[in-house]
Amino acid sequence: MKKAFVKSYGCQMNAYDAARMADVLGAEGYAATDSVEEADVVVLNTCHIREKAAEKVFSEVGRLRVLKAERAKECLDTRIVVAGCVAQAEGSEILHRSPAVDVVVGPQSYHRLPELLAASRTKRVVDTEFPVEDKFARLPPRRSRGVTGFLTVQEGCDKFCAFCVVPYTRGAEVSRPVAAIVAEAEALVREGVREITLIGQNVNAYHGEGPHGSPASLPTLMEALAHIPGLLRLRYTTSHPNDMGEDLIQAHGSQPLLMPYLHLPVQSGSTRVLQAMNRKHTADAYSRLIERVRRVRPDIALSSDFIVGFPGESDAEFEETMRLVAEIGFASAYSFKYSPRPGTPAAERADAVPEAVKSERLARLQTLLDAQRHAFSAAMVGRVVEVLVEKAGRHPGQVAGKTPHLLAVQFDAPTSTIGTLVPVRIVGTSANSLFGEVADDAAVAA
């Protein structure tokens, strides 16, 4: 049997796309494998959001070139596919620099993988078009891979932040119809998925076709999904502050399946830096938005993204970010030093912040964010929370799952609890996990 190895980098959207590429190849008779050495097709699903992402791809392809040559000695053919955002941005350069690559395919065209692989038998192929047809309509049925699953509802972004390549690699905002999303979600639930995370580059800008032909909002979509028997939880990511409408805020208080967790990137606490980033919101507007969300759902766990050392950021402006973090308090966050992305407006700026300064600022920010994360986890000790059990734990007799606030929990219980909600009393914490015990006799905390 033919085998396919798919490796994904970066965001949840890439994880979803990687799974769908595995589905496409599975429909063509390829069995999934975790061993690249035995793969007949190797797919690298790349991400362009980090510095030197393309160079990492070329390095990985270099290692695969050796593997491909070794397999060829045994008369075994290996097709190497570079997919994703690096493929979209640098397709021709990949073929030029890496002769071992057979197919380069962008994130909007991977449904064409079978025909591209067939064409690669006679020539190397690049497909980085933004096709007219709906790729989701041409993808094979979803295969469940666990209790939780991602579901793409929206792609692309129209915001054009000065540091971001997404509008160039994923294209303009496009939303899928409600009916198509519900059908895919129903299929996932039939296969055992109990928690679905709705994903998009700018997911709260969702405006897909609703039941009566008019555009539907994200809360409207959630309401449709909430009627699926067997679905226990909903989440969504990633959002933009400017698209956080009142209906979505209210959904955090009125939709029982929507978990009390919100990832809402702010990027900086300085309004001047936000303007330079073309973020289209101010630091004060972000703070007031968080206040509105907390009025509706006081226990919500907040997560965010931060970029330190954006070109021209002063010491005083970085301190504004530190103050915003201290004032709001985050349960988790992602923070990075600014690094230029070719083709973005910020990459052309001449007022770069010295690397040493960026490193020092990032260290300070991460120290504060880590302290807040640990404090949020520690506050759970003694509480009883519902845990969605996802898998067996690391030790015999142990299972692992997530709280409504997306905190990992380990506790002793039979594997028959996988896929169910279990009331768990939190009894301890570690650096990255909570520890608990089944608490059948206690009420679950609100």
Foldseek 3Di string as FASTA:
>chain_A
DAAEEEAEDDDQVRVQLSQLLCQLVVVVPHHYDPDPLRHQEYEYAFDQQDPPRVVVVLVVLVVVLVSQVVVVVVVRHHAYEYEEQCLLVQVVVCVVSRVRHQEREYSQPSLCVVVSVVVSVPPRYYYNDNDPDHSLVSTDAGDADWQEEEAEFKEADDQQFQFDCRCVRTNHIDGAALVSRLVNLLSRQVNRHQEYEYEYPAQQVHFHQYPVRGTDGPLRSLVSNLPRPRHQAYHYDDHELVSCDPVNLLCCQVPRRYFLEYEYAPAFLQQVVCVVRSSPDHNVSVVVSLVSSCVRPVLHAYEYEYEPFQFPQDPVRLVSRVVSCVVRFHLYYHYDYRDHRPPGNSNPDDRGDDPVVSVVSRVVVVVSNLVSNVVSQVVQAQAKFKWQWIAADPDPQKTWTAGSNRAIEIEGDDPVSHSHIFTWHFHADDSRHTYTYGDPPDDHDD
